[in-house]
Amino acid sequence: MLPTHAFTRLAQSCGTGLFALILAGCASQAIQPTQSSVPPAALHRFSTLQAVQSFALEAKLAVQYAGKGYTARLEWQHSPAQDSMRIFSPLGQQVALIERDAKQVTLTDQSGKIHQANDVSSLTEQLLGWRLPLTGLSQWILGSPHTTSPFQASYLEQGEPARLMQDQWQIDYDDYRQGSLQGVSLPLPHITRLQQQDVRLKLVIQHW
């Protein structure tokens, strides 16, 4: 579990210069400034969520990019060692299977052809037309920043993020609902919206 003070250092390391850089990269999004200090309730939440190493979820996914849009259903199994994500069309046909382990990232398309790349984001952009930030999403979907880059956030009264800014993604949380993962019980995001440039993703959790 990452100590609470590590999150404090991470938050403090996100200074004005970095935030200006993020804003410059996402100027079309009309992002509002957010607070840079992390309240104690949020620090406690982030530290608690470090105990959640694995999860499985089902969600509805809406994607908008380059003037296009579609909806899908998502099944995702995550652990530190690997990810398996299945994307289905509204009619239930599997559109893509994304798999990650310590050695490689692959995407199996609708015809069964296997594609490889160094990371999921570039692989999905190449084959699906939009970027899926899998590394950050495994924490963002829990309502927490990941620990490998600075972030900015605004918070609700009980410490849940209302908005995160990390890795040039803007993550907005429309709703939280009480949930339990690996013995950790706390409010978890029900609706999560992500935006980077022309890519917009919306996930509505159906089952954890």
Protein backbone atom coordinates (compact mmCIF):
# COMPACT_ATOMS: atom_id res chain seq x y z
CA MET A 1 0.00 0.00 0.00
CA LEU A 2 1.37 3.41 -0.95
CA PRO A 3 1.78 5.63 2.15
CA THR A 4 -0.44 8.68 2.46
CA HIS A 5 2.57 11.04 2.37
CA ALA A 6 3.47 9.71 -1.08
CA PHE A 7 0.18 11.00 -2.44
CA THR A 8 0.88 14.34 -0.76
CA ARG A 9 4.24 14.62 -2.55
CA LEU A 10 2.62 13.57 -5.80
CA ALA A 11 -0.05 16.24 -5.51
CA GLN A 12 2.44 18.93 -4.52
CA SER A 13 4.66 18.07 -7.49
CA CYS A 14 1.89 19.17 -9.86
CA GLY A 15 2.76 22.85 -9.99
CA THR A 16 1.52 25.79 -12.01
CA GLY A 17 3.86 25.08 -14.91
CA LEU A 18 2.61 21.53 -15.39
CA PHE A 19 -1.01 22.57 -15.09
CA ALA A 20 -0.42 25.29 -17.70
CA LEU A 21 1.08 22.65 -19.99
CA ILE A 22 -1.96 20.41 -19.51
CA LEU A 23 -4.29 23.31 -20.25
CA ALA A 24 -2.31 24.18 -23.39
CA GLY A 25 -2.64 20.61 -24.63
CA CYS A 26 -6.40 20.53 -23.97
CA ALA A 27 -7.34 24.14 -24.69
CA SER A 28 -10.43 23.16 -26.65
CA GLN A 29 -11.98 21.53 -23.57
CA ALA A 30 -12.62 24.76 -21.60
CA ILE A 31 -11.24 23.17 -18.45
CA GLN A 32 -11.88 25.07 -15.23
CA PRO A 33 -8.99 25.52 -12.77
CA THR A 34 -9.02 22.98 -9.95
CA GLN A 35 -7.44 22.96 -6.52
CA SER A 36 -3.92 21.61 -6.17
CA SER A 37 -4.02 20.63 -2.48
CA VAL A 38 -5.40 17.26 -1.47
CA PRO A 39 -7.80 17.28 1.52
CA PRO A 40 -7.32 14.66 4.26
CA ALA A 41 -10.49 12.77 3.26
CA ALA A 42 -9.18 12.40 -0.30
CA LEU A 43 -5.74 11.27 0.90
CA HIS A 44 -7.41 8.62 3.04
CA ARG A 45 -9.51 7.48 0.08
CA PHE A 46 -6.51 7.24 -2.26
CA SER A 47 -4.48 5.32 0.32
CA THR A 48 -7.38 2.93 1.00
CA LEU A 49 -7.83 2.20 -2.70
CA GLN A 50 -4.22 1.04 -2.97
CA ALA A 51 -5.44 -2.18 -1.33
CA VAL A 52 -7.63 -2.86 -4.38
CA GLN A 53 -5.19 -4.65 -6.66
CA SER A 54 -7.70 -6.51 -8.82
CA PHE A 55 -11.27 -6.09 -10.00
CA ALA A 56 -13.78 -7.25 -12.58
CA LEU A 57 -16.52 -5.06 -14.00
CA GLU A 58 -19.18 -4.77 -16.65
CA ALA A 59 -20.04 -1.37 -18.06
CA LYS A 60 -21.78 0.45 -20.85
CA LEU A 61 -19.33 2.36 -23.01
CA ALA A 62 -20.07 5.38 -25.20
CA VAL A 63 -17.35 6.68 -27.51
CA GLN A 64 -17.18 9.94 -29.48
CA TYR A 65 -14.23 10.83 -31.69
CA ALA A 66 -13.58 12.74 -34.92
CA GLY A 67 -17.29 13.45 -35.34
CA LYS A 68 -18.18 9.78 -34.95
CA GLY A 69 -19.81 7.94 -32.09
CA TYR A 70 -21.04 4.56 -30.99
CA THR A 71 -22.03 2.58 -27.92
CA ALA A 72 -20.79 -0.76 -26.69
CA ARG A 73 -20.68 -3.07 -23.71
CA LEU A 74 -17.46 -3.67 -21.83
CA GLU A 75 -16.25 -6.60 -19.73
CA TRP A 76 -12.95 -5.95 -17.97
CA GLN A 77 -10.85 -8.10 -15.67
CA HIS A 78 -7.86 -6.31 -14.17
CA SER A 79 -4.92 -7.35 -12.00
CA PRO A 80 -1.42 -5.89 -11.62
CA ALA A 81 -0.04 -8.64 -13.85
CA GLN A 82 -2.60 -8.60 -16.64
CA ASP A 83 -5.75 -7.13 -18.18
CA SER A 84 -8.44 -8.72 -20.28
CA MET A 85 -11.01 -6.40 -21.83
CA ARG A 86 -13.79 -7.48 -24.16
CA ILE A 87 -15.76 -4.91 -26.15
CA PHE A 88 -19.16 -5.94 -27.54
CA SER A 89 -21.47 -4.26 -30.03
CA PRO A 90 -25.02 -3.32 -28.93
CA LEU A 91 -26.16 -6.57 -30.56
CA GLY A 92 -23.77 -8.61 -28.42
CA GLN A 93 -21.09 -9.39 -31.01
CA GLN A 94 -17.51 -9.20 -29.73
CA VAL A 95 -15.77 -6.34 -31.52
CA ALA A 96 -12.38 -6.55 -29.82
CA LEU A 97 -10.46 -8.45 -27.17
CA ILE A 98 -7.66 -6.44 -25.57
CA GLU A 99 -5.11 -8.33 -23.48
CA ARG A 100 -2.10 -7.08 -21.56
CA ASP A 101 0.57 -8.94 -19.63
CA ALA A 102 4.16 -8.27 -18.64
CA LYS A 103 5.44 -9.15 -22.12
CA GLN A 104 3.00 -7.67 -24.61
CA VAL A 105 -0.27 -5.96 -25.46
CA THR A 106 -2.54 -7.53 -28.06
CA LEU A 107 -5.87 -6.75 -29.67
CA THR A 108 -7.86 -9.49 -31.35
CA ASP A 109 -10.25 -7.95 -33.85
CA GLN A 110 -13.66 -9.07 -34.99
CA SER A 111 -12.22 -11.38 -37.65
CA GLY A 112 -9.89 -13.09 -35.16
CA LYS A 113 -6.70 -11.37 -36.33
CA ILE A 114 -4.24 -10.56 -33.54
CA HIS A 115 -2.46 -7.19 -33.49
CA GLN A 116 0.40 -6.16 -31.20
CA ALA A 117 1.79 -2.85 -29.92
CA ASN A 118 3.79 -1.39 -27.06
CA ASP A 119 0.75 0.03 -25.27
CA VAL A 120 -3.03 -0.14 -25.36
CA SER A 121 -3.53 3.55 -26.15
CA SER A 122 -1.61 3.46 -29.44
CA LEU A 123 -3.04 0.05 -30.34
CA THR A 124 -6.67 1.11 -29.94
CA GLU A 125 -6.04 4.40 -31.75
CA GLN A 126 -4.54 2.52 -34.68
CA LEU A 127 -7.23 -0.17 -34.92
CA LEU A 128 -10.37 1.38 -33.41
CA GLY A 129 -9.72 5.04 -34.15
CA TRP A 130 -9.77 6.20 -30.51
CA ARG A 131 -7.38 6.04 -27.57
CA LEU A 132 -8.08 3.86 -24.54
CA PRO A 133 -5.83 4.93 -21.62
CA LEU A 134 -5.77 1.53 -19.94
CA THR A 135 -2.90 2.23 -17.54
CA GLY A 136 -4.54 5.26 -15.98
CA LEU A 137 -8.06 3.95 -16.35
CA SER A 138 -7.43 1.06 -13.95
CA GLN A 139 -7.22 3.66 -11.15
CA TRP A 140 -9.43 6.39 -12.57
CA ILE A 141 -12.36 3.98 -12.75
CA LEU A 142 -12.05 3.57 -8.97
CA GLY A 143 -12.11 7.34 -8.41
CA SER A 144 -8.39 7.72 -7.76
CA PRO A 145 -5.32 9.02 -9.63
CA HIS A 146 -2.54 6.61 -10.44
CA THR A 147 0.82 7.16 -8.73
CA THR A 148 3.27 7.48 -11.63
CA SER A 149 2.53 11.06 -12.77
CA PRO A 150 1.30 14.32 -11.18
CA PHE A 151 -2.38 15.17 -11.14
CA GLN A 152 -4.83 17.96 -10.38
CA ALA A 153 -8.26 17.40 -8.87
CA SER A 154 -11.32 18.97 -7.35
CA TYR A 155 -13.17 17.08 -4.64
CA LEU A 156 -16.58 16.41 -3.19
CA GLU A 157 -17.26 16.90 0.51
CA GLN A 158 -16.35 13.32 1.50
CA GLY A 159 -13.11 13.30 -0.49
CA GLU A 160 -14.28 11.69 -3.73
CA PRO A 161 -12.83 13.38 -6.82
CA ALA A 162 -15.34 15.39 -8.82
CA ARG A 163 -12.71 15.89 -11.52
CA LEU A 164 -9.19 14.60 -12.16
CA MET A 165 -6.63 15.94 -14.59
CA GLN A 166 -3.81 13.49 -15.31
CA ASP A 167 -1.73 12.45 -18.33
CA GLN A 168 -3.51 15.16 -20.34
CA TRP A 169 -6.85 13.43 -19.74
CA GLN A 170 -9.78 15.10 -18.03
CA ILE A 171 -11.84 12.67 -15.94
CA ASP A 172 -15.24 13.77 -14.58
CA TYR A 173 -17.35 11.79 -12.14
CA ASP A 174 -21.10 12.29 -12.44
CA ASP A 175 -22.23 9.88 -9.73
CA TYR A 176 -20.89 7.68 -6.93
CA ARG A 177 -22.54 4.64 -5.39
CA GLN A 178 -21.53 2.60 -2.38
CA GLY A 179 -19.60 -0.51 -3.33
CA SER A 180 -17.17 -3.13 -2.06
CA LEU A 181 -14.01 -4.47 -3.72
CA GLN A 182 -11.62 -6.94 -2.09
CA GLY A 183 -13.03 -6.13 1.34
CA VAL A 184 -12.78 -2.36 0.79
CA SER A 185 -16.15 -0.64 1.11
CA LEU A 186 -16.50 2.95 -0.08
CA PRO A 187 -18.30 5.04 -2.71
CA LEU A 188 -17.23 4.00 -6.22
CA PRO A 189 -17.84 5.86 -9.48
CA HIS A 190 -21.03 4.93 -11.28
CA ILE A 191 -20.63 7.28 -14.26
CA THR A 192 -17.15 8.29 -15.43
CA ARG A 193 -16.47 10.61 -18.37
CA LEU A 194 -13.03 10.99 -19.94
CA GLN A 195 -11.87 13.51 -22.51
CA GLN A 196 -8.63 14.16 -24.38
CA GLN A 197 -8.70 16.40 -27.43
CA ASP A 198 -11.36 14.95 -29.77
CA VAL A 199 -11.82 11.67 -27.87
CA ARG A 200 -14.65 11.39 -25.35
CA LEU A 201 -15.42 8.22 -23.42
CA LYS A 202 -18.28 7.59 -21.02
CA LEU A 203 -18.46 4.50 -18.80
CA VAL A 204 -21.54 3.55 -16.81
CA ILE A 205 -20.82 0.73 -14.37
CA GLN A 206 -23.39 -2.06 -14.38
CA HIS A 207 -21.65 -4.62 -12.14
CA TRP A 208 -18.43 -4.75 -10.11
